[in-house]
Amino acid sequence: MTIRKFSIGLAVASIFVLGIWLLGSVPQAMAETMNYKWFNRMTKMERFPIPDAEGHSVSLWVREGAIILNSGELAWIKTIGFSDATKGAGTLITYSILTFQDGSTIIQHRKGTQQATPAGVLSAVKQTGEIIHGTGRFQGIKGTVTTSSKLLPPEKEELSGKSLGEGTMVYTLSSK
């Protein structure tokens, strides 16, 4: 009798463990990857000097431009950012709104670092972050984003150099 109870208990426990394993192994949503490249320029900037160190400032700025996805699709990008830098190098926080030709949008929130030349001219940016919102065909999007960019030296009358960059989003879309 004891062996029979043990066998039944073992069978029930095995079925329970097998059921949990099967449920856990079913993917909830398949992650997708979107790679893209962009070109943008500074359209607005306000810089505030901080007198604690030579060349220290904080800036609030807007960059606007175009994105080309690896699929060939085009979108517009508008990035609003805040940077804290000394002689061009420092940290930044950005929000980017990607607007696709069908009106769908993706909003990213990123943090990163910016590098500068020895002369204090911004030269490169690297960021990581998350996708925080989407509309249209991207409604319910969630995921991560990484970006890197190089900046051209600013031309006369430019607020900052034009940015050439690339990014990768890894995301899932909630089922509707």
Protein backbone atom coordinates (compact mmCIF):
# COMPACT_ATOMS: atom_id res chain seq x y z
CA MET A 1 0.00 0.00 0.00
CA THR A 2 2.81 2.42 0.84
CA ILE A 3 4.56 1.67 -2.47
CA ARG A 4 1.30 2.27 -4.34
CA LYS A 5 0.74 5.69 -2.63
CA PHE A 6 4.35 6.61 -3.35
CA SER A 7 3.97 5.64 -7.03
CA ILE A 8 0.76 7.67 -7.38
CA GLY A 9 2.38 10.66 -5.66
CA LEU A 10 5.43 10.41 -7.90
CA ALA A 11 3.22 10.21 -11.00
CA VAL A 12 1.19 13.29 -9.95
CA ALA A 13 4.36 15.25 -9.15
CA SER A 14 5.91 14.25 -12.50
CA ILE A 15 2.81 15.37 -14.41
CA PHE A 16 2.81 18.67 -12.50
CA VAL A 17 6.51 19.33 -13.22
CA LEU A 18 6.10 18.35 -16.89
CA GLY A 19 3.08 20.67 -17.23
CA ILE A 20 4.95 23.62 -15.71
CA TRP A 21 7.92 22.98 -18.00
CA LEU A 22 5.72 22.83 -21.12
CA LEU A 23 3.87 26.03 -20.21
CA GLY A 24 7.12 27.83 -19.48
CA SER A 25 8.68 26.80 -22.75
CA VAL A 26 5.93 28.29 -24.95
CA PRO A 27 7.12 31.74 -26.11
CA GLN A 28 4.71 34.50 -25.18
CA ALA A 29 5.77 36.70 -28.11
CA MET A 30 8.54 36.34 -30.63
CA ALA A 31 11.08 39.16 -30.42
CA GLU A 32 11.80 41.00 -33.65
CA THR A 33 14.81 43.11 -34.61
CA MET A 34 14.71 46.40 -36.52
CA ASN A 35 18.03 47.82 -37.74
CA TYR A 36 18.23 51.33 -39.14
CA LYS A 37 20.57 54.18 -40.09
CA TRP A 38 19.93 57.87 -39.79
CA PHE A 39 21.10 61.30 -40.78
CA ASN A 40 20.00 64.29 -38.72
CA ARG A 41 20.89 67.83 -37.80
CA MET A 42 20.49 70.10 -34.80
CA THR A 43 17.44 72.34 -35.23
CA LYS A 44 17.32 73.95 -31.76
CA MET A 45 19.76 74.27 -28.88
CA GLU A 46 20.07 76.21 -25.67
CA ARG A 47 23.37 75.91 -23.77
CA PHE A 48 23.85 76.99 -20.17
CA PRO A 49 27.40 77.37 -18.78
CA ILE A 50 28.08 75.89 -15.34
CA PRO A 51 30.94 77.86 -13.72
CA ASP A 52 32.37 74.98 -11.64
CA ALA A 53 34.90 73.86 -14.28
CA GLU A 54 36.30 75.20 -17.53
CA GLY A 55 34.06 74.25 -20.47
CA HIS A 56 31.26 72.74 -18.34
CA SER A 57 27.72 73.28 -19.64
CA VAL A 58 24.29 71.70 -19.81
CA SER A 59 22.28 71.84 -23.01
CA LEU A 60 18.72 71.21 -24.11
CA TRP A 61 18.42 70.50 -27.82
CA VAL A 62 16.38 69.06 -30.71
CA ARG A 63 17.70 67.06 -33.68
CA GLU A 64 15.60 66.16 -36.72
CA GLY A 65 16.27 63.98 -39.73
CA ALA A 66 15.56 60.81 -41.67
CA ILE A 67 15.84 57.09 -40.89
CA ILE A 68 16.33 54.30 -43.40
CA LEU A 69 15.46 50.83 -42.13
CA ASN A 70 17.28 47.75 -43.43
CA SER A 71 13.97 46.81 -45.08
CA GLY A 72 14.19 49.99 -47.16
CA GLU A 73 11.32 51.69 -45.30
CA LEU A 74 11.76 55.39 -44.49
CA ALA A 75 10.80 57.29 -41.34
CA TRP A 76 11.41 60.68 -39.75
CA ILE A 77 13.14 61.07 -36.41
CA LYS A 78 12.88 63.89 -33.90
CA THR A 79 15.13 63.64 -30.85
CA ILE A 80 14.81 65.87 -27.80
CA GLY A 81 17.87 65.68 -25.59
CA PHE A 82 19.57 66.97 -22.48
CA SER A 83 23.34 66.79 -22.14
CA ASP A 84 25.78 67.55 -19.32
CA ALA A 85 29.27 67.91 -20.73
CA THR A 86 32.69 69.34 -20.04
CA LYS A 87 34.60 70.36 -23.15
CA GLY A 88 32.10 68.39 -25.25
CA ALA A 89 32.38 65.04 -23.43
CA GLY A 90 29.76 63.87 -20.96
CA THR A 91 26.36 62.25 -20.56
CA LEU A 92 23.03 62.68 -22.27
CA ILE A 93 19.40 61.64 -21.96
CA THR A 94 17.15 61.61 -25.02
CA TYR A 95 13.62 60.90 -26.20
CA SER A 96 13.27 60.02 -29.88
CA ILE A 97 10.03 59.93 -31.84
CA LEU A 98 10.19 57.85 -35.03
CA THR A 99 7.30 58.64 -37.39
CA PHE A 100 6.70 56.23 -40.26
CA GLN A 101 5.06 57.04 -43.60
CA ASP A 102 1.78 55.37 -42.53
CA GLY A 103 1.64 57.62 -39.43
CA SER A 104 2.69 54.88 -36.97
CA THR A 105 5.17 55.98 -34.30
CA ILE A 106 7.74 54.53 -31.92
CA ILE A 107 9.03 56.50 -28.93
CA GLN A 108 12.41 55.63 -27.43
CA HIS A 109 13.99 56.76 -24.15
CA ARG A 110 17.79 56.47 -24.14
CA LYS A 111 20.79 57.34 -21.96
CA GLY A 112 24.39 57.43 -22.98
CA THR A 113 27.72 59.14 -23.37
CA GLN A 114 29.14 61.64 -25.80
CA GLN A 115 32.76 61.96 -26.83
CA ALA A 116 34.59 65.03 -28.03
CA THR A 117 37.79 65.95 -29.84
CA PRO A 118 40.66 67.47 -27.82
CA ALA A 119 39.35 70.86 -29.01
CA GLY A 120 36.00 70.15 -27.32
CA VAL A 121 33.97 69.44 -30.48
CA LEU A 122 31.33 66.72 -30.09
CA SER A 123 32.43 63.71 -32.19
CA ALA A 124 30.51 60.54 -31.20
CA VAL A 125 27.56 59.32 -29.13
CA LYS A 126 26.63 55.86 -27.79
CA GLN A 127 23.28 55.15 -26.11
CA THR A 128 21.10 52.36 -24.79
CA GLY A 129 17.51 52.48 -23.69
CA GLU A 130 14.00 51.23 -24.05
CA ILE A 131 11.02 51.58 -26.34
CA ILE A 132 8.36 53.24 -24.22
CA HIS A 133 5.39 53.74 -26.58
CA GLY A 134 4.04 53.04 -30.02
CA THR A 135 1.01 53.94 -32.13
CA GLY A 136 -0.60 52.50 -35.25
CA ARG A 137 0.99 49.22 -36.25
CA PHE A 138 3.40 49.61 -33.29
CA GLN A 139 0.64 49.88 -30.66
CA GLY A 140 1.76 47.92 -27.57
CA ILE A 141 5.44 47.76 -28.59
CA LYS A 142 8.00 47.04 -25.86
CA GLY A 143 11.71 46.46 -26.18
CA THR A 144 15.25 47.77 -26.06
CA VAL A 145 17.33 50.01 -28.29
CA THR A 146 21.04 50.62 -28.81
CA THR A 147 22.48 53.38 -30.97
CA SER A 148 25.82 54.85 -31.96
CA SER A 149 26.62 57.86 -34.08
CA LYS A 150 29.46 59.93 -35.44
CA LEU A 151 29.17 63.67 -35.79
CA LEU A 152 30.62 65.70 -38.61
CA PRO A 153 32.45 68.87 -37.61
CA PRO A 154 29.95 71.73 -37.52
CA GLU A 155 29.84 73.98 -40.54
CA LYS A 156 29.62 77.75 -40.27
CA GLU A 157 26.32 78.84 -38.70
CA GLU A 158 25.44 75.28 -37.53
CA LEU A 159 24.51 74.71 -33.89
CA SER A 160 26.31 71.34 -33.91
CA GLY A 161 27.62 68.90 -36.49
CA LYS A 162 25.30 66.65 -38.49
CA SER A 163 24.87 63.16 -37.04
CA LEU A 164 25.31 59.91 -38.97
CA GLY A 165 24.24 56.92 -36.92
CA GLU A 166 22.82 53.47 -36.67
CA GLY A 167 20.52 51.73 -34.26
CA THR A 168 18.99 48.40 -33.40
CA MET A 169 15.64 47.82 -31.72
CA VAL A 170 14.74 44.40 -30.30
CA TYR A 171 11.01 44.40 -29.59
CA THR A 172 7.77 42.54 -29.19
CA LEU A 173 4.27 43.66 -30.11
CA SER A 174 1.40 42.80 -27.81
CA SER A 175 -1.34 40.76 -29.42
CA LYS A 176 -4.37 42.84 -30.23
